[in-house]
Amino acid sequence: MLNAFRALGYLEGISFLVLMGIAMPLKYFYSSPLAVRIVGSAHGVLFVAYCAWALFVYFREKWPLKQLLLCWMFSCLPLGTFWFDQKYLQKK
């Protein structure tokens, strides 16, 4: 279950980077908003799934509340899910 959460974190992090690094520049520099609509929707679904799964893992793995809050906080930052995985999930 933790490995699936880690995989979801990587997908969410990659979708965030694609949204910010590819889709947003396409929208604002090349007047192509379709990329943001597609990638943004995918990222939104992955973000909500990641946050919900984090809550599930919090209860199942008996995480400290601080770890859950850090997970949610870092999921809002580019590269945050990768950092959280490296710091808190790989040692298990």
Protein backbone atom coordinates (compact mmCIF):
# COMPACT_ATOMS: atom_id res chain seq x y z
CA MET A 1 0.00 0.00 0.00
CA LEU A 2 2.84 2.37 0.79
CA ASN A 3 4.48 1.58 -2.55
CA ALA A 4 1.27 2.48 -4.37
CA PHE A 5 1.14 5.76 -2.43
CA ARG A 6 4.73 6.48 -3.41
CA ALA A 7 3.92 5.79 -7.06
CA LEU A 8 0.91 8.10 -6.86
CA GLY A 9 3.20 10.75 -5.37
CA TYR A 10 5.57 10.46 -8.30
CA LEU A 11 2.69 10.73 -10.78
CA GLU A 12 1.30 13.76 -8.96
CA GLY A 13 4.72 15.41 -8.84
CA ILE A 14 5.37 14.77 -12.52
CA SER A 15 1.94 16.11 -13.48
CA PHE A 16 2.65 19.27 -11.47
CA LEU A 17 5.99 19.77 -13.22
CA VAL A 18 4.43 19.18 -16.64
CA LEU A 19 1.66 21.63 -15.82
CA MET A 20 4.06 24.35 -14.68
CA GLY A 21 6.92 23.66 -17.07
CA ILE A 22 5.16 22.77 -20.32
CA ALA A 23 1.41 23.46 -20.28
CA MET A 24 1.53 26.91 -18.68
CA PRO A 25 4.20 28.24 -21.07
CA LEU A 26 2.21 26.82 -23.99
CA LYS A 27 -0.85 28.69 -22.78
CA TYR A 28 0.79 32.04 -22.14
CA PHE A 29 3.51 32.16 -24.79
CA TYR A 30 1.83 30.27 -27.63
CA SER A 31 -1.88 30.91 -26.92
CA SER A 32 -2.65 27.22 -26.52
CA PRO A 33 -4.93 26.81 -23.47
CA LEU A 34 -5.89 23.23 -24.33
CA ALA A 35 -2.68 21.88 -22.78
CA VAL A 36 -3.53 23.49 -19.44
CA ARG A 37 -7.07 22.16 -19.58
CA ILE A 38 -5.91 18.58 -20.17
CA VAL A 39 -2.84 18.49 -17.94
CA GLY A 40 -4.52 20.63 -15.28
CA SER A 41 -7.47 18.27 -15.07
CA ALA A 42 -5.18 15.25 -14.77
CA HIS A 43 -3.10 17.00 -12.14
CA GLY A 44 -6.22 17.98 -10.19
CA VAL A 45 -7.44 14.40 -10.05
CA LEU A 46 -4.00 13.14 -9.03
CA PHE A 47 -3.64 15.87 -6.38
CA VAL A 48 -6.98 15.05 -4.76
CA ALA A 49 -6.23 11.32 -4.92
CA TYR A 50 -2.79 11.89 -3.36
CA CYS A 51 -4.20 13.96 -0.49
CA ALA A 52 -7.00 11.47 0.17
CA TRP A 53 -4.62 8.51 0.02
CA ALA A 54 -2.29 10.33 2.43
CA LEU A 55 -5.15 10.50 4.91
CA PHE A 56 -5.79 6.77 4.46
CA VAL A 57 -2.08 5.98 4.95
CA TYR A 58 -2.03 8.27 8.00
CA PHE A 59 -4.60 6.11 9.74
CA ARG A 60 -3.32 2.77 8.49
CA GLU A 61 0.40 3.35 9.13
CA LYS A 62 -0.21 5.42 12.29
CA TRP A 63 1.75 8.40 11.03
CA PRO A 64 2.24 11.32 13.39
CA LEU A 65 -0.07 14.23 12.55
CA LYS A 66 2.96 16.33 11.66
CA GLN A 67 3.89 13.89 8.90
CA LEU A 68 0.41 14.06 7.37
CA LEU A 69 0.43 17.86 7.45
CA LEU A 70 3.90 17.95 5.90
CA CYS A 71 2.72 15.55 3.19
CA TRP A 72 -0.17 17.85 2.33
CA MET A 73 1.97 20.98 2.52
CA PHE A 74 4.70 19.64 0.27
CA SER A 75 2.17 18.33 -2.24
CA CYS A 76 1.41 21.99 -2.98
CA LEU A 77 5.01 22.73 -3.98
CA PRO A 78 6.86 21.77 -7.15
CA LEU A 79 9.13 18.82 -6.36
CA GLY A 80 7.44 18.55 -2.95
CA THR A 81 6.14 15.01 -3.37
CA PHE A 82 9.63 13.88 -4.39
CA TRP A 83 11.15 15.52 -1.31
CA PHE A 84 8.51 14.00 0.97
CA ASP A 85 9.12 10.56 -0.52
CA GLN A 86 12.87 10.88 -0.05
CA LYS A 87 12.63 12.19 3.50
CA TYR A 88 9.77 10.15 4.97
CA LEU A 89 8.84 7.18 2.80
CA GLN A 90 12.01 5.57 1.44
CA LYS A 91 13.35 4.48 4.80
CA LYS A 92 10.40 2.12 5.33
